[in-house]
Amino acid sequence: MRIIVCPHELAMGGSQMNAIELAAAVRDRGHEVVIYASAGALADRVDELGLELVTSPAGNRLSLAWARGLIALTRSFEPDLIHTYEWAPSLGAAYGVRQLLATPQIMTVLSMDVPDFLPADVPLIVGTRALAAQIQWHDDVYVMEPPIDTDADRTGDVEAARRRLGMPADALIISVVCRMTDELGKASGVEAAIDAVSSLAGEFPIRLLVVGDGPALSRIRERAERVNAQAGRLVVECSGQMNDASDAYESADVVVGMGSSILRAMSFGKPVIVQGDTGFTRLLTPETVDEFLWRGFYGIGGNGAADLIPALRSVLSQPSLRSDLSAWNRDLVTARFSLSGAADTLERLYRRVADVPHRRAQSTLSLSQSLARLAKFHISRAVRTRIPS
């Protein structure tokens, strides 16, 4: 098969990394795959994996230029199928190549909610069973939990990773790897981690490593500087963006975060504490895992640093607990979230979708309904923005 894969951007992020690594895994099964996306930090990863990259116009939002570029690529590459990730590329492809050229399409949304303005006749992949159960407006929904390259992401030499990062060998390292944004409570989760480490710095030889870039990074760095000044030593280190964050995971004694970052930490065999929006915090254990397997490694509601402090204290003070959770996490992610298994599933879906003939009348009706819901969404958002609280 010939496949075009469209991540919504190539900035660092879980959805984009999943799109790229799955594309490479499908390519390794004998298919021809091209990535179509705007330039970004993950372009190096695309090149490293030996994938062809066709650069789209800049930006990660729906645009006429992006759609025209995809149409031109489709005419030259003649794919059997287009796989889009997140809502903007999915709409751009549905309104463009799928409707004009009758090219089969499948879309993946790994966000914590799925907008109802996506076309209901384009097969949809989501990342959790909870999301699939909530989607009543779409009949062709598949669940594919975010995969992890468990062969590449595994602990090899912790001491070497710490040396490369300049981390002390005897410190207890807590790593956070995410985009520094207020979306989904990511930045507030990092701030909670900084506050928790500040409270625990007198009890443990602790170091918090914060990895990632984004609009909230300057605010987070200021908070880290205040904590370091108060402690009189380096307690929080904000490294900024790492194109390859493997050393941040491997050097850690425990990882705090959400989504695919948690899964990657588990693949490295690390204890993990799952964060979410509005202060959600929970240690992943055999007793708590079922809720995360249902809704994803995320949650809503909690007490932020007040919940994180005892969770960290419990893990940091018990080496045996860290060891047990490390082994259990690695076993779980290897058995359930492997990249190889996900690629097998995706290959079957590709063949199924590519074999379904395009029904133009049905597609036109679906796109009309999608456009109406999209307009309603934008009008509602504009009204909320203008009405003072």
Protein backbone atom coordinates (compact mmCIF):
# COMPACT_ATOMS: atom_id res chain seq x y z
CA MET A 1 0.00 0.00 0.00
CA ARG A 2 0.95 3.65 -0.49
CA ILE A 3 0.06 5.81 2.52
CA ILE A 4 0.30 9.51 3.40
CA VAL A 5 0.46 10.19 7.14
CA CYS A 6 -0.44 13.69 8.33
CA PRO A 7 0.51 14.59 11.93
CA HIS A 8 -0.97 17.92 12.98
CA GLU A 9 2.55 19.33 13.46
CA LEU A 10 6.13 18.21 14.10
CA ALA A 11 6.64 19.97 17.42
CA MET A 12 7.47 17.59 20.26
CA GLY A 13 4.37 15.80 21.47
CA GLY A 14 2.83 12.40 22.04
CA SER A 15 0.36 12.42 19.14
CA GLN A 16 3.05 13.44 16.65
CA MET A 17 5.54 10.88 17.96
CA ASN A 18 2.91 8.14 17.72
CA ALA A 19 2.12 9.14 14.13
CA ILE A 20 5.79 9.02 13.10
CA GLU A 21 6.74 5.81 14.87
CA LEU A 22 3.63 3.98 13.64
CA ALA A 23 4.35 5.22 10.11
CA ALA A 24 7.85 3.74 10.31
CA ALA A 25 6.53 0.46 11.70
CA VAL A 26 3.98 0.20 8.87
CA ARG A 27 6.70 1.06 6.33
CA ASP A 28 8.81 -1.77 7.75
CA ARG A 29 5.98 -4.15 6.83
CA GLY A 30 6.57 -3.42 3.15
CA HIS A 31 4.39 -0.35 2.54
CA GLU A 32 5.37 3.02 1.03
CA VAL A 33 4.79 5.84 3.53
CA VAL A 34 5.20 9.62 3.22
CA ILE A 35 4.87 12.11 6.09
CA TYR A 36 3.12 15.42 5.28
CA ALA A 37 3.53 18.02 8.02
CA SER A 38 4.97 21.45 8.78
CA ALA A 39 8.61 21.71 9.85
CA GLY A 40 9.40 21.17 13.53
CA ALA A 41 11.70 19.52 16.05
CA LEU A 42 10.49 16.02 15.16
CA ALA A 43 11.69 16.37 11.57
CA ASP A 44 14.99 14.96 12.85
CA ARG A 45 13.14 11.89 14.15
CA VAL A 46 11.43 11.47 10.77
CA ASP A 47 14.85 11.53 9.10
CA GLU A 48 16.35 9.18 11.69
CA LEU A 49 13.63 6.62 10.94
CA GLY A 50 14.28 6.90 7.20
CA LEU A 51 10.83 8.26 6.36
CA GLU A 52 10.20 10.67 3.50
CA LEU A 53 8.97 14.08 4.67
CA VAL A 54 7.04 16.46 2.44
CA THR A 55 6.87 19.77 4.26
CA SER A 56 3.46 21.39 4.44
CA PRO A 57 2.80 25.13 4.85
CA ALA A 58 3.58 26.38 8.37
CA GLY A 59 1.02 26.16 11.13
CA ASN A 60 -1.03 23.42 12.76
CA ARG A 61 -4.47 24.84 12.03
CA LEU A 62 -6.84 24.22 9.15
CA SER A 63 -5.77 26.26 6.09
CA LEU A 64 -6.42 26.34 2.37
CA ALA A 65 -2.66 26.26 1.68
CA TRP A 66 -2.30 23.05 3.71
CA ALA A 67 -5.20 21.42 1.85
CA ARG A 68 -3.81 22.45 -1.55
CA GLY A 69 -0.42 21.01 -0.65
CA LEU A 70 -2.00 17.69 0.31
CA ILE A 71 -3.99 17.62 -2.94
CA ALA A 72 -0.79 18.17 -4.95
CA LEU A 73 1.02 15.44 -3.01
CA THR A 74 -1.90 13.05 -3.45
CA ARG A 75 -1.95 13.57 -7.21
CA SER A 76 1.78 12.88 -7.50
CA PHE A 77 2.11 10.05 -4.94
CA GLU A 78 -1.28 8.40 -5.67
CA PRO A 79 -1.78 6.89 -2.20
CA ASP A 80 -4.18 4.10 -1.37
CA LEU A 81 -5.08 5.88 1.88
CA ILE A 82 -4.46 9.03 3.91
CA HIS A 83 -4.12 8.85 7.71
CA THR A 84 -4.65 12.17 9.50
CA TYR A 85 -4.00 12.96 13.15
CA GLU A 86 -6.09 15.41 15.21
CA TRP A 87 -8.91 17.58 14.00
CA ALA A 88 -7.35 20.20 11.69
CA PRO A 89 -5.60 17.79 9.28
CA SER A 90 -8.63 15.49 9.44
CA LEU A 91 -10.96 18.26 8.29
CA GLY A 92 -8.47 19.52 5.70
CA ALA A 93 -8.14 16.09 4.13
CA ALA A 94 -11.88 15.32 4.28
CA TYR A 95 -12.87 18.59 2.60
CA GLY A 96 -10.03 18.28 0.09
CA VAL A 97 -8.54 15.03 -1.19
CA ARG A 98 -11.26 12.71 0.09
CA GLN A 99 -14.10 14.70 -1.46
CA LEU A 100 -12.33 15.89 -4.61
CA LEU A 101 -10.15 12.86 -5.41
CA ALA A 102 -12.12 10.11 -3.58
CA THR A 103 -8.98 9.08 -1.66
CA PRO A 104 -9.80 6.84 1.34
CA GLN A 105 -9.10 8.43 4.72
CA ILE A 106 -8.82 7.35 8.34
CA MET A 107 -8.32 9.79 11.21
CA THR A 108 -6.86 9.51 14.71
CA VAL A 109 -7.68 11.82 17.60
CA LEU A 110 -5.55 11.29 20.71
CA SER A 111 -6.79 14.35 22.56
CA MET A 112 -8.77 13.90 25.75
CA ASP A 113 -11.97 14.88 23.92
CA VAL A 114 -13.12 14.42 20.32
CA PRO A 115 -14.92 17.34 18.62
CA ASP A 116 -18.28 16.44 17.13
CA PHE A 117 -17.61 18.57 14.03
CA LEU A 118 -15.39 15.87 12.54
CA PRO A 119 -17.03 14.14 9.54
CA ALA A 120 -19.02 11.18 10.78
CA ASP A 121 -18.35 9.01 7.72
CA VAL A 122 -14.53 9.03 8.06
CA PRO A 123 -13.34 6.07 10.18
CA LEU A 124 -12.06 7.31 13.53
CA ILE A 125 -9.37 5.96 15.88
CA VAL A 126 -9.30 7.12 19.51
CA GLY A 127 -6.89 6.28 22.29
CA THR A 128 -9.18 5.06 25.08
CA ARG A 129 -12.26 2.92 25.57
CA ALA A 130 -13.85 5.71 27.58
CA LEU A 131 -13.65 8.11 24.64
CA ALA A 132 -15.07 5.53 22.26
CA ALA A 133 -18.02 4.95 24.58
CA GLN A 134 -18.78 8.68 24.69
CA ILE A 135 -18.91 9.20 20.91
CA GLN A 136 -22.54 8.82 19.92
CA TRP A 137 -22.40 10.76 16.64
CA HIS A 138 -20.00 8.37 14.86
CA ASP A 139 -20.62 4.71 14.03
CA ASP A 140 -17.15 3.69 12.80
CA VAL A 141 -14.89 4.15 15.84
CA TYR A 142 -11.85 2.05 16.73
CA VAL A 143 -9.74 2.04 19.90
CA MET A 144 -5.96 1.95 19.60
CA GLU A 145 -4.08 2.68 22.80
CA PRO A 146 -1.01 4.88 22.17
CA PRO A 147 1.85 2.53 21.30
CA ILE A 148 5.39 2.62 22.64
CA ASP A 149 8.58 1.35 21.02
CA THR A 150 9.41 -0.95 23.92
CA ASP A 151 12.54 -2.23 22.18
CA ALA A 152 14.09 1.25 21.93
CA ASP A 153 12.66 2.65 25.19
CA ARG A 154 14.24 0.44 27.82
CA THR A 155 16.74 1.04 30.58
CA GLY A 156 20.34 0.30 29.69
CA ASP A 157 22.82 2.36 31.73
CA VAL A 158 21.30 4.74 34.28
CA GLU A 159 24.69 6.05 35.45
CA ALA A 160 25.71 6.92 31.88
CA ALA A 161 22.40 8.72 31.30
CA ARG A 162 22.95 10.76 34.45
CA ARG A 163 26.48 11.66 33.40
CA ARG A 164 25.25 12.88 30.02
CA LEU A 165 22.72 15.11 31.78
CA GLY A 166 25.16 16.26 34.47
CA MET A 167 22.99 14.76 37.19
CA PRO A 168 24.52 13.64 40.51
CA ALA A 169 24.85 9.88 40.81
CA ASP A 170 23.46 9.77 44.37
CA ALA A 171 20.43 12.02 43.85
CA LEU A 172 16.82 10.86 43.71
CA ILE A 173 15.73 12.10 40.28
CA ILE A 174 12.14 12.98 39.41
CA SER A 175 11.59 13.64 35.71
CA VAL A 176 8.77 15.51 34.00
CA VAL A 177 8.68 15.49 30.19
CA CYS A 178 5.89 17.46 28.52
CA ARG A 179 5.01 20.53 26.51
CA MET A 180 4.88 23.58 28.77
CA THR A 181 1.34 24.68 28.02
CA ASP A 182 -1.81 25.37 30.01
CA GLU A 183 -3.74 22.92 27.83
CA LEU A 184 -4.95 19.84 29.75
CA GLY A 185 -3.38 21.20 32.94
CA LYS A 186 0.17 20.36 31.83
CA ALA A 187 1.83 23.54 33.11
CA SER A 188 -0.07 23.46 36.39
CA GLY A 189 1.07 19.86 36.82
CA VAL A 190 4.70 20.92 36.40
CA GLU A 191 4.17 23.73 38.90
CA ALA A 192 2.67 21.24 41.36
CA ALA A 193 5.75 19.05 40.92
CA ILE A 194 8.02 22.03 41.64
CA ASP A 195 6.06 22.87 44.78
CA ALA A 196 6.10 19.25 45.95
CA VAL A 197 9.85 18.93 45.44
CA SER A 198 10.36 22.18 47.34
CA SER A 199 8.52 20.68 50.31
CA LEU A 200 10.49 17.41 50.13
CA ALA A 201 13.95 18.88 49.54
CA GLY A 202 14.74 18.79 53.25
CA GLU A 203 13.90 15.08 53.50
CA PHE A 204 15.58 13.64 50.40
CA PRO A 205 18.59 14.36 48.15
CA ILE A 206 16.07 15.22 45.48
CA ARG A 207 16.36 16.73 41.99
CA LEU A 208 13.46 17.57 39.67
CA LEU A 209 14.32 17.53 35.95
CA VAL A 210 11.81 19.44 33.82
CA VAL A 211 12.07 18.76 30.07
CA GLY A 212 10.06 20.54 27.40
CA ASP A 213 9.34 23.84 25.72
CA GLY A 214 6.23 25.92 25.30
CA PRO A 215 4.52 29.19 26.15
CA ALA A 216 4.50 28.54 29.92
CA LEU A 217 8.23 27.73 30.16
CA SER A 218 9.33 31.19 31.33
CA ARG A 219 6.76 31.12 34.13
CA ILE A 220 7.89 27.66 35.18
CA ARG A 221 11.55 28.67 35.14
CA GLU A 222 10.81 31.62 37.41
CA ARG A 223 9.10 29.31 39.87
CA ALA A 224 12.06 26.91 39.74
CA GLU A 225 14.52 29.74 40.40
CA ARG A 226 12.58 30.79 43.50
CA VAL A 227 12.63 27.23 44.85
CA ASN A 228 16.36 26.86 44.17
CA ALA A 229 17.10 30.16 45.89
CA GLN A 230 15.03 29.15 48.90
CA ALA A 231 16.78 25.76 49.14
CA GLY A 232 20.24 27.21 48.63
CA ARG A 233 21.02 24.52 46.06
CA LEU A 234 19.86 23.21 42.69
CA VAL A 235 16.60 21.40 43.38
CA VAL A 236 14.76 22.03 40.10
CA GLU A 237 16.48 22.02 36.71
CA CYS A 238 14.58 23.22 33.64
CA SER A 239 16.49 21.89 30.66
CA GLY A 240 14.14 23.14 27.94
CA GLN A 241 13.53 21.10 24.83
CA MET A 242 15.31 17.78 24.22
CA ASN A 243 14.82 16.30 20.77
CA ASP A 244 15.45 12.93 22.38
CA ALA A 245 14.33 12.78 26.01
CA SER A 246 15.49 9.18 26.53
CA ASP A 247 18.13 10.18 29.10
CA ALA A 248 15.52 12.10 31.10
CA TYR A 249 13.46 8.94 31.43
CA GLU A 250 16.37 6.57 31.96
CA SER A 251 18.04 8.67 34.66
CA ALA A 252 14.84 9.02 36.72
CA ASP A 253 13.88 7.24 39.93
CA VAL A 254 10.26 8.25 39.32
CA VAL A 255 8.45 10.04 36.49
CA VAL A 256 5.51 12.43 36.87
CA GLY A 257 3.25 13.34 33.95
CA MET A 258 0.36 12.24 31.76
CA GLY A 259 -0.53 10.45 28.55
CA SER A 260 2.16 8.99 26.33
CA SER A 261 4.92 10.39 28.56
CA ILE A 262 3.71 8.06 31.31
CA LEU A 263 3.70 5.10 28.92
CA ARG A 264 7.22 5.87 27.78
CA ALA A 265 8.41 6.08 31.38
CA MET A 266 6.79 2.70 32.05
CA SER A 267 8.66 1.26 29.08
CA PHE A 268 11.88 2.44 30.72
CA GLY A 269 10.75 0.57 33.83
CA LYS A 270 10.07 3.57 36.05
CA PRO A 271 7.47 4.12 38.77
CA VAL A 272 5.02 6.77 37.55
CA ILE A 273 2.63 9.26 39.09
CA VAL A 274 -0.19 10.25 36.73
CA GLN A 275 -1.29 13.87 36.62
CA GLY A 276 -4.23 15.54 34.92
CA ASP A 277 -6.28 18.73 34.94
CA THR A 278 -7.32 20.72 38.00
CA GLY A 279 -4.89 19.00 40.34
CA PHE A 280 -5.39 15.32 39.51
CA THR A 281 -2.57 13.15 40.94
CA ARG A 282 -2.39 9.38 41.40
CA LEU A 283 0.37 6.79 41.75
CA LEU A 284 0.04 4.01 39.18
CA THR A 285 -0.18 0.64 40.92
CA PRO A 286 -1.89 -2.69 40.25
CA GLU A 287 -4.76 -1.34 42.38
CA THR A 288 -5.23 1.88 40.36
CA VAL A 289 -4.43 0.68 36.83
CA ASP A 290 -7.96 -0.25 35.72
CA GLU A 291 -9.21 3.35 35.75
CA PHE A 292 -6.30 4.39 33.51
CA LEU A 293 -6.76 1.52 31.10
CA TRP A 294 -10.35 2.72 30.68
CA ARG A 295 -9.89 6.47 30.33
CA GLY A 296 -6.17 6.87 29.52
CA PHE A 297 -3.31 8.02 31.71
CA TYR A 298 -4.98 11.25 32.76
CA GLY A 299 -7.62 12.46 35.19
CA ILE A 300 -9.55 15.50 36.35
CA GLY A 301 -9.84 16.93 39.84
CA GLY A 302 -7.57 16.80 42.86
CA ASN A 303 -5.33 18.77 45.17
CA GLY A 304 -2.19 19.15 43.08
CA ALA A 305 0.96 19.41 45.18
CA ALA A 306 -0.92 18.40 48.34
CA ASP A 307 -1.61 14.99 46.75
CA LEU A 308 1.74 14.74 45.01
CA ILE A 309 3.83 15.19 48.16
CA PRO A 310 2.67 11.98 49.92
CA ALA A 311 2.77 10.02 46.65
CA LEU A 312 6.38 11.03 46.05
CA ARG A 313 7.33 10.48 49.70
CA SER A 314 5.95 6.95 49.55
CA VAL A 315 7.93 6.03 46.42
CA LEU A 316 11.16 7.83 47.32
CA SER A 317 11.32 6.39 50.84
CA GLN A 318 10.78 2.76 49.78
CA PRO A 319 13.40 1.33 47.38
CA SER A 320 11.57 -2.01 47.36
CA LEU A 321 8.36 -0.32 46.21
CA ARG A 322 10.24 1.47 43.45
CA SER A 323 11.74 -1.82 42.32
CA ASP A 324 8.40 -3.65 42.33
CA LEU A 325 6.58 -0.89 40.44
CA SER A 326 9.42 -0.58 37.92
CA ALA A 327 9.21 -4.26 36.98
CA TRP A 328 5.41 -4.30 36.94
CA ASN A 329 5.18 -1.18 34.75
CA ARG A 330 7.65 -2.57 32.24
CA ASP A 331 5.74 -5.86 32.02
CA LEU A 332 2.42 -4.07 31.53
CA VAL A 333 3.55 -1.73 28.77
CA THR A 334 5.38 -4.52 26.93
CA ALA A 335 2.34 -6.77 26.99
CA ARG A 336 -0.30 -4.18 26.11
CA PHE A 337 1.22 -1.13 24.41
CA SER A 338 3.93 -2.45 22.08
CA LEU A 339 4.54 -0.64 18.80
CA SER A 340 4.68 -3.91 16.90
CA GLY A 341 1.20 -4.97 18.01
CA ALA A 342 -0.25 -1.55 17.21
CA ALA A 343 1.29 -1.61 13.73
CA ASP A 344 -0.33 -4.99 13.05
CA THR A 345 -3.72 -3.59 14.06
CA LEU A 346 -3.22 -0.44 12.00
CA GLU A 347 -2.22 -2.40 8.91
CA ARG A 348 -5.48 -4.38 9.13
CA LEU A 349 -7.48 -1.15 9.50
CA TYR A 350 -5.72 0.40 6.51
CA ARG A 351 -6.68 -2.52 4.28
CA ARG A 352 -10.27 -2.46 5.50
CA VAL A 353 -10.68 1.29 4.94
CA ALA A 354 -8.93 1.27 1.54
CA ASP A 355 -11.32 -1.43 0.28
CA VAL A 356 -14.49 0.60 1.02
CA PRO A 357 -15.71 2.45 -2.11
CA HIS A 358 -16.17 6.21 -1.85
CA ARG A 359 -19.83 7.25 -1.68
CA ARG A 360 -19.85 10.88 -2.80
CA ALA A 361 -23.46 11.64 -1.83
CA GLN A 362 -22.96 10.28 1.66
CA SER A 363 -19.67 12.14 1.98
CA THR A 364 -21.23 15.42 0.84
CA LEU A 365 -24.00 15.12 3.42
CA SER A 366 -21.49 14.26 6.17
CA LEU A 367 -19.28 17.23 5.27
CA SER A 368 -22.28 19.57 5.25
CA GLN A 369 -23.23 18.43 8.76
CA SER A 370 -19.60 18.73 9.84
CA LEU A 371 -19.36 22.27 8.50
CA ALA A 372 -22.54 23.29 10.33
CA ARG A 373 -21.24 21.90 13.63
CA LEU A 374 -17.85 23.57 13.06
CA ALA A 375 -19.55 26.93 12.49
CA LYS A 376 -21.62 26.43 15.65
CA PHE A 377 -18.43 25.64 17.58
CA HIS A 378 -16.67 28.82 16.41
CA ILE A 379 -19.73 30.99 17.09
CA SER A 380 -20.10 29.53 20.60
CA ARG A 381 -16.40 30.10 21.34
CA ALA A 382 -16.56 33.68 20.07
CA VAL A 383 -19.58 34.41 22.27
CA ARG A 384 -17.86 32.94 25.35
CA THR A 385 -14.79 35.07 24.64
CA ARG A 386 -16.78 38.29 24.42
CA ILE A 387 -19.02 37.77 27.44
CA PRO A 388 -17.24 39.00 30.60
CA SER A 389 -17.16 36.56 33.52
